[in-house]
Amino acid sequence: MNAFSSWNDVPLFDSEQAEAAFWEENRPDLRLLESSVAGASEGAESVTITLRIDPRMLARIKRLARSRYLNYQSMIKQWLSERMEHELRDR
């Protein structure tokens, strides 16, 4: 199994089969995973929710997050926070 040390090494996939084949042969380096989790100290104060999203939209969100070196869930939370602040300012 190959280990990669940068999220840039993960290609953009055009199908679920291509993505599955990639993950069968590759895994992120432990240091990369640790650095991704290091900033998640707010977890103790978070509430888990379920949100249904169209698979194509989720794939696009993940690609965008990866290009910004972000976890896609963190990016979605950031977007929601920014929008909430915008809405509250416009009241």
Protein backbone atom coordinates (compact mmCIF):
# COMPACT_ATOMS: atom_id res chain seq x y z
CA MET A 1 0.00 0.00 0.00
CA ASN A 2 1.29 3.48 -0.87
CA ALA A 3 1.23 6.31 1.65
CA PHE A 4 0.93 9.90 0.50
CA SER A 5 1.97 12.92 2.54
CA SER A 6 0.04 15.68 0.76
CA TRP A 7 -3.63 16.04 -0.13
CA ASN A 8 -2.41 17.25 -3.54
CA ASP A 9 -1.49 13.65 -4.27
CA VAL A 10 -5.18 12.69 -4.25
CA PRO A 11 -6.48 13.04 -7.81
CA LEU A 12 -9.91 14.29 -8.86
CA PHE A 13 -12.03 11.24 -9.61
CA ASP A 14 -14.46 10.95 -12.50
CA SER A 15 -16.25 7.91 -11.05
CA GLU A 16 -16.78 6.09 -7.78
CA GLN A 17 -14.96 3.09 -9.26
CA ALA A 18 -11.85 5.20 -9.91
CA GLU A 19 -12.01 6.58 -6.37
CA ALA A 20 -12.44 3.09 -4.88
CA ALA A 21 -9.47 1.80 -6.91
CA PHE A 22 -7.30 4.68 -5.67
CA TRP A 23 -8.19 4.13 -2.00
CA GLU A 24 -7.56 0.38 -2.29
CA GLU A 25 -3.93 1.11 -3.19
CA ASN A 26 -3.26 4.36 -1.28
CA ARG A 27 -3.61 5.77 2.19
CA PRO A 28 -2.73 9.10 3.82
CA ASP A 29 0.42 9.28 5.91
CA LEU A 30 -0.27 9.28 9.65
CA ARG A 31 1.26 12.78 10.04
CA LEU A 32 -1.14 14.11 7.40
CA LEU A 33 -4.11 12.67 9.28
CA GLU A 34 -2.87 14.03 12.60
CA SER A 35 -2.46 17.51 11.13
CA SER A 36 -6.00 17.35 9.76
CA VAL A 37 -7.44 16.47 13.16
CA ALA A 38 -5.24 18.80 15.22
CA GLY A 39 -7.52 21.81 14.76
CA ALA A 40 -10.68 19.96 15.76
CA SER A 41 -10.65 20.97 19.44
CA GLU A 42 -14.21 22.30 19.20
CA GLY A 43 -15.50 18.71 18.87
CA ALA A 44 -16.48 18.51 22.53
CA GLU A 45 -18.90 21.40 22.09
CA SER A 46 -20.38 20.24 18.77
CA VAL A 47 -23.68 18.52 18.06
CA THR A 48 -23.90 15.86 15.38
CA ILE A 49 -26.61 16.31 12.76
CA THR A 50 -27.63 14.47 9.62
CA LEU A 51 -27.88 16.41 6.39
CA ARG A 52 -28.83 14.86 3.08
CA ILE A 53 -26.91 16.27 0.10
CA ASP A 54 -27.01 15.30 -3.54
CA PRO A 55 -23.97 13.05 -4.20
CA ARG A 56 -22.77 15.20 -7.11
CA MET A 57 -22.92 18.33 -4.98
CA LEU A 58 -21.03 16.60 -2.17
CA ALA A 59 -18.34 15.45 -4.60
CA ARG A 60 -17.92 19.03 -5.83
CA ILE A 61 -17.74 20.33 -2.24
CA LYS A 62 -15.09 17.73 -1.38
CA ARG A 63 -13.02 18.66 -4.45
CA LEU A 64 -13.22 22.34 -3.57
CA ALA A 65 -12.30 21.69 0.06
CA ARG A 66 -9.37 19.51 -0.97
CA SER A 67 -8.08 22.25 -3.29
CA ARG A 68 -8.11 24.59 -0.26
CA TYR A 69 -6.47 21.98 2.02
CA LEU A 70 -9.58 21.89 4.21
CA ASN A 71 -11.75 19.16 5.59
CA TYR A 72 -15.04 19.40 3.67
CA GLN A 73 -17.12 19.37 6.85
CA SER A 74 -15.07 22.22 8.31
CA MET A 75 -15.51 24.18 5.10
CA ILE A 76 -19.30 23.68 5.19
CA LYS A 77 -19.35 24.87 8.82
CA GLN A 78 -17.33 27.91 7.82
CA TRP A 79 -19.77 28.69 4.99
CA LEU A 80 -22.75 28.35 7.33
CA SER A 81 -21.12 30.59 9.91
CA GLU A 82 -20.30 33.26 7.31
CA ARG A 83 -23.84 33.16 5.92
CA MET A 84 -25.38 33.33 9.39
CA GLU A 85 -23.28 36.41 10.22
CA HIS A 86 -24.35 37.98 6.93
CA GLU A 87 -28.02 37.32 7.64
CA LEU A 88 -27.78 38.70 11.18
CA ARG A 89 -26.01 41.86 9.97
CA ASP A 90 -28.76 42.54 7.41
CA ARG A 91 -31.58 42.47 9.98
